[in-house]
Structures are given as C-alpha cells and as structure tokens.
C-alpha atoms as a PDB file:
ATOM      1  CA  MET A   1      67.970 -18.029 190.044  1.00  0.00           C
ATOM      2  CA  SER A   2      71.552 -18.258 191.140  1.00  0.00           C
ATOM      3  CA  ASN A   3      71.144 -16.989 194.725  1.00  0.00           C
ATOM      4  CA  ALA A   4      68.465 -19.524 195.598  1.00  0.00           C
ATOM      5  CA  VAL A   5      70.401 -22.338 193.943  1.00  0.00           C
ATOM      6  CA  LYS A   6      73.572 -21.402 195.824  1.00  0.00           C
ATOM      7  CA  ASN A   7      71.693 -21.342 199.131  1.00  0.00           C
ATOM      8  CA  ILE A   8      70.111 -24.704 198.422  1.00  0.00           C
ATOM      9  CA  ALA A   9      73.502 -26.166 197.472  1.00  0.00           C
ATOM     10  CA  LYS A  10      74.932 -24.926 200.792  1.00  0.00           C
ATOM     11  CA  PHE A  11      72.031 -26.487 202.678  1.00  0.00           C
ATOM     12  CA  ILE A  12      72.470 -29.814 200.875  1.00  0.00           C
ATOM     13  CA  ARG A  13      76.232 -29.863 201.533  1.00  0.00           C
ATOM     14  CA  ARG A  14      75.636 -29.194 205.231  1.00  0.00           C
ATOM     15  CA  ASN A  15      72.782 -31.697 205.501  1.00  0.00           C
ATOM     16  CA  PRO A  16      73.506 -34.447 202.952  1.00  0.00           C
ATOM     17  CA  GLU A  17      71.477 -37.148 204.705  1.00  0.00           C
ATOM     18  CA  ASP A  18      68.461 -34.944 205.470  1.00  0.00           C
ATOM     19  CA  LYS A  19      65.170 -35.758 203.709  1.00  0.00           C
ATOM     20  CA  ALA A  20      64.763 -32.025 203.063  1.00  0.00           C
ATOM     21  CA  SER A  21      67.998 -32.080 201.040  1.00  0.00           C
ATOM     22  CA  SER A  22      66.592 -34.822 198.856  1.00  0.00           C
ATOM     23  CA  ASP A  23      63.330 -32.911 198.398  1.00  0.00           C
ATOM     24  CA  LEU A  24      65.155 -29.682 197.512  1.00  0.00           C
ATOM     25  CA  ARG A  25      67.364 -31.540 195.038  1.00  0.00           C
ATOM     26  CA  ASP A  26      64.263 -33.083 193.442  1.00  0.00           C
ATOM     27  CA  LEU A  27      62.639 -29.654 193.190  1.00  0.00           C
ATOM     28  CA  CYS A  28      65.724 -28.176 191.495  1.00  0.00           C
ATOM     29  CA  ASN A  29      65.878 -31.071 189.040  1.00  0.00           C
ATOM     30  CA  ALA A  30      62.172 -30.806 188.240  1.00  0.00           C
ATOM     31  CA  LEU A  31      62.377 -27.076 187.553  1.00  0.00           C
ATOM     32  CA  GLU A  32      65.454 -27.502 185.390  1.00  0.00           C
ATOM     33  CA  ALA A  33      63.836 -30.282 183.360  1.00  0.00           C
ATOM     34  CA  SER A  34      60.339 -28.725 183.288  1.00  0.00           C
ATOM     35  CA  ALA A  35      59.146 -31.916 184.919  1.00  0.00           C
ATOM     36  CA  SER A  36      56.371 -32.462 187.430  1.00  0.00           C
ATOM     37  CA  PHE A  37      57.000 -32.223 191.170  1.00  0.00           C
ATOM     38  CA  ASP A  38      54.790 -33.068 194.143  1.00  0.00           C
ATOM     39  CA  LEU A  39      54.436 -29.710 195.901  1.00  0.00           C
ATOM     40  CA  GLY A  40      52.765 -31.469 198.814  1.00  0.00           C
ATOM     41  CA  CYS A  41      56.147 -32.639 200.086  1.00  0.00           C
ATOM     42  CA  LEU A  42      57.108 -29.004 200.711  1.00  0.00           C
ATOM     43  CA  TYR A  43      54.582 -28.810 203.545  1.00  0.00           C
ATOM     44  CA  ASN A  44      56.586 -31.425 205.445  1.00  0.00           C
ATOM     45  CA  LEU A  45      59.751 -29.322 205.360  1.00  0.00           C
ATOM     46  CA  ASP A  46      61.028 -27.398 208.351  1.00  0.00           C
ATOM     47  CA  ARG A  47      61.004 -23.614 208.145  1.00  0.00           C
ATOM     48  CA  LYS A  48      64.491 -23.087 206.645  1.00  0.00           C
ATOM     49  CA  PRO A  49      64.294 -25.606 203.784  1.00  0.00           C
ATOM     50  CA  PHE A  50      60.712 -24.495 203.083  1.00  0.00           C
ATOM     51  CA  GLU A  51      61.900 -20.898 202.736  1.00  0.00           C
ATOM     52  CA  LEU A  52      64.707 -22.057 200.444  1.00  0.00           C
ATOM     53  CA  ALA A  53      62.165 -23.840 198.247  1.00  0.00           C
ATOM     54  CA  ILE A  54      59.917 -20.768 198.101  1.00  0.00           C
ATOM     55  CA  ASP A  55      62.904 -18.549 197.225  1.00  0.00           C
ATOM     56  CA  LEU A  56      63.813 -20.937 194.426  1.00  0.00           C
ATOM     57  CA  LEU A  57      60.274 -20.920 193.054  1.00  0.00           C
ATOM     58  CA  GLU A  58      60.129 -17.128 193.158  1.00  0.00           C
ATOM     59  CA  GLU A  59      63.439 -16.753 191.311  1.00  0.00           C
ATOM     60  CA  TRP A  60      62.464 -19.464 188.797  1.00  0.00           C
ATOM     61  CA  ARG A  61      59.156 -17.738 188.092  1.00  0.00           C
ATOM     62  CA  PHE A  62      60.837 -14.351 187.629  1.00  0.00           C
ATOM     63  CA  ASP A  63      63.495 -15.830 185.331  1.00  0.00           C
ATOM     64  CA  ARG A  64      60.842 -17.563 183.229  1.00  0.00           C
ATOM     65  CA  HIS A  65      58.861 -14.326 182.966  1.00  0.00           C
ATOM     66  CA  VAL A  66      61.935 -12.356 181.832  1.00  0.00           C
ATOM     67  CA  PHE A  67      62.866 -15.060 179.316  1.00  0.00           C
ATOM     68  CA  GLU A  68      59.359 -15.167 177.852  1.00  0.00           C
ATOM     69  CA  ARG A  69      59.230 -11.369 177.541  1.00  0.00           C
ATOM     70  CA  ARG A  70      62.590 -11.317 175.758  1.00  0.00           C
ATOM     71  CA  LEU A  71      61.512 -14.083 173.409  1.00  0.00           C
ATOM     72  CA  GLN A  72      58.231 -12.319 172.639  1.00  0.00           C
ATOM     73  CA  LYS A  73      60.093  -9.064 171.983  1.00  0.00           C
ATOM     74  CA  TYR A  74      62.250 -10.762 169.365  1.00  0.00           C
ATOM     75  CA  LEU A  75      59.295 -12.556 167.831  1.00  0.00           C
ATOM     76  CA  ASP A  76      57.397  -9.272 167.528  1.00  0.00           C
ATOM     77  CA  GLU A  77      60.252  -7.545 165.680  1.00  0.00           C
ATOM     78  CA  PRO A  78      60.128  -7.495 161.883  1.00  0.00           C
ATOM     79  CA  ALA A  79      62.255 -10.206 160.293  1.00  0.00           C
ATOM     80  CA  ASP A  80      65.722  -9.168 159.152  1.00  0.00           C
ATOM     81  CA  PRO A  81      66.249 -10.452 155.570  1.00  0.00           C
ATOM     82  CA  SER A  82      69.988 -10.882 156.231  1.00  0.00           C
ATOM     83  CA  GLU A  83      69.215 -13.574 158.839  1.00  0.00           C
ATOM     84  CA  ASP A  84      67.870 -15.945 156.180  1.00  0.00           C
ATOM     85  CA  ASP A  85      71.371 -17.055 155.211  1.00  0.00           C
END
C-alpha cells in the first residue's frame, strides 16, 4: 500500500487546506484502524484525489488478501511441537 500512501501524502502536503486532503486523510485513518468511513464523500472529490482514493482502496484490498492467505497458510500447517515452549 506504500505507493498509494506516498501519493496521498504528497497531495496532502501540496494541498493542506483542501477538503479533499481532509477526506483522504480520514480514509487512510479509517483503513488503518479498520474503522467505518463514509464512501459517499468520495463522489464529491475532483478527479485526481478520487483516483488517489481508488488506488489506496485497491492496494489496501490486495494487501489484506495477501495477509489473509498467508495467515490461512500458517493455520493450515500441522502444529510444530517445538513451538509450544
């Protein structure tokens, strides 16, 4: 998720007073905290910040999918008796 986050950080630094910066920051915080977020506010964004938000969501979804697959892989493996210590 690092590319999308970096691009959003650049946008926020360049546009600190912009409402879109606040919305993008809220989206990042919500994803990080697994909190709720009003997706409706994304429809009010201009093209560039909207694309940044979509990129972030795509990377977040991919990262979550990879994490869940890795976790499931380890859960499916037989337990190692030496790990009980």
